[in-house]
Amino acid sequence: MRKFVVALAAFGFAMSAARAQESCAMNYPVFEGAIPHLDLAACPKDIARPGAFCRVTTANDAVHVFMFEEKGKQCLLAAKSYRDYKLDLK
């Protein structure tokens, strides 16, 4: 019985992950209207990928980069926070 419950839980998790891939939890039009941000000319090299664009915001002493798909629903593809950044203002 225990193996069945574990298998059922694993199946449920897999199905939830599949549904999440099909849906768009956050898209750029919603983000644009809700989150103050700046456009980036290019995504940071460590997260850049073809067919995507990035936006940046700051909060809690960090810079947060959000990457969206260029076409289709413009779904959020990734988000990354950078805490150790330095600005050269000279």
Protein backbone atom coordinates (compact mmCIF):
# COMPACT_ATOMS: atom_id res chain seq x y z
CA MET A 1 0.00 0.00 0.00
CA ARG A 2 2.84 2.38 0.85
CA LYS A 3 4.45 1.89 -2.58
CA PHE A 4 1.11 2.70 -4.21
CA VAL A 5 0.78 5.96 -2.24
CA VAL A 6 4.34 6.99 -3.12
CA ALA A 7 3.75 6.17 -6.79
CA LEU A 8 0.47 8.11 -6.75
CA ALA A 9 2.19 11.13 -5.19
CA ALA A 10 4.97 10.99 -7.77
CA PHE A 11 2.40 10.79 -10.57
CA GLY A 12 0.55 13.80 -9.15
CA PHE A 13 3.77 15.80 -8.95
CA ALA A 14 4.67 14.91 -12.54
CA MET A 15 1.22 15.94 -13.76
CA SER A 16 1.45 19.27 -11.89
CA ALA A 17 4.83 19.94 -13.48
CA ALA A 18 3.44 19.14 -16.92
CA ARG A 19 0.48 21.51 -16.40
CA ALA A 20 2.85 24.25 -15.22
CA GLN A 21 4.84 23.88 -18.44
CA GLU A 22 1.66 24.23 -20.50
CA SER A 23 0.34 27.24 -18.60
CA CYS A 24 1.84 30.65 -18.27
CA ALA A 25 2.05 31.53 -14.58
CA MET A 26 3.21 35.09 -15.39
CA ASN A 27 3.43 36.80 -18.74
CA TYR A 28 5.04 40.08 -19.69
CA PRO A 29 1.83 42.14 -20.10
CA VAL A 30 0.85 41.31 -16.50
CA PHE A 31 4.40 41.93 -15.23
CA GLU A 32 4.63 45.22 -17.13
CA GLY A 33 1.48 46.59 -15.52
CA ALA A 34 2.26 45.38 -12.01
CA ILE A 35 6.02 45.70 -11.46
CA PRO A 36 8.04 48.93 -11.85
CA HIS A 37 11.04 47.95 -13.96
CA LEU A 38 13.58 48.96 -16.58
CA ASP A 39 14.15 47.39 -19.98
CA LEU A 40 17.52 45.75 -20.59
CA ALA A 41 19.16 45.95 -24.01
CA ALA A 42 20.34 42.36 -23.50
CA CYS A 43 19.95 39.65 -20.88
CA PRO A 44 22.90 38.95 -18.57
CA LYS A 45 25.25 36.43 -20.18
CA ASP A 46 24.67 33.82 -17.47
CA ILE A 47 20.94 33.51 -18.26
CA ALA A 48 20.69 34.78 -21.86
CA ARG A 49 19.06 32.60 -24.48
CA PRO A 50 17.79 33.11 -28.02
CA GLY A 51 14.19 34.22 -28.33
CA ALA A 52 14.06 35.92 -24.92
CA PHE A 53 14.20 39.45 -23.50
CA CYS A 54 14.91 40.68 -19.98
CA ARG A 55 13.65 43.32 -17.59
CA VAL A 56 15.24 44.42 -14.31
CA THR A 57 14.01 45.73 -10.98
CA THR A 58 15.50 46.31 -7.54
CA ALA A 59 14.23 45.28 -4.12
CA ASN A 60 15.67 44.16 -0.81
CA ASP A 61 19.23 45.24 -1.67
CA ALA A 62 19.34 43.13 -4.81
CA VAL A 63 18.90 43.45 -8.56
CA HIS A 64 16.31 41.07 -9.99
CA VAL A 65 16.30 40.10 -13.66
CA PHE A 66 13.20 38.58 -15.25
CA MET A 67 13.43 36.79 -18.60
CA PHE A 68 10.40 36.43 -20.90
CA GLU A 69 9.85 34.70 -24.22
CA GLU A 70 9.73 37.11 -27.17
CA LYS A 71 6.89 35.41 -29.04
CA GLY A 72 3.67 33.66 -28.12
CA LYS A 73 2.26 34.34 -24.67
CA GLN A 74 5.48 36.10 -23.55
CA CYS A 75 5.68 33.78 -20.55
CA LEU A 76 8.18 34.27 -17.75
CA LEU A 77 11.03 31.86 -18.48
CA ALA A 78 13.38 32.59 -15.59
CA ALA A 79 14.16 35.01 -12.81
CA LYS A 80 17.52 35.55 -11.15
CA SER A 81 18.61 37.76 -8.28
CA TYR A 82 22.01 39.38 -8.01
CA ARG A 83 23.02 40.48 -4.53
CA ASP A 84 26.71 41.21 -5.07
CA TYR A 85 26.73 43.91 -7.67
CA LYS A 86 28.75 47.09 -7.85
CA LEU A 87 28.05 50.24 -9.79
CA ASP A 88 30.97 52.25 -11.06
CA LEU A 89 29.68 55.83 -10.92
CA LYS A 90 33.00 57.60 -11.59
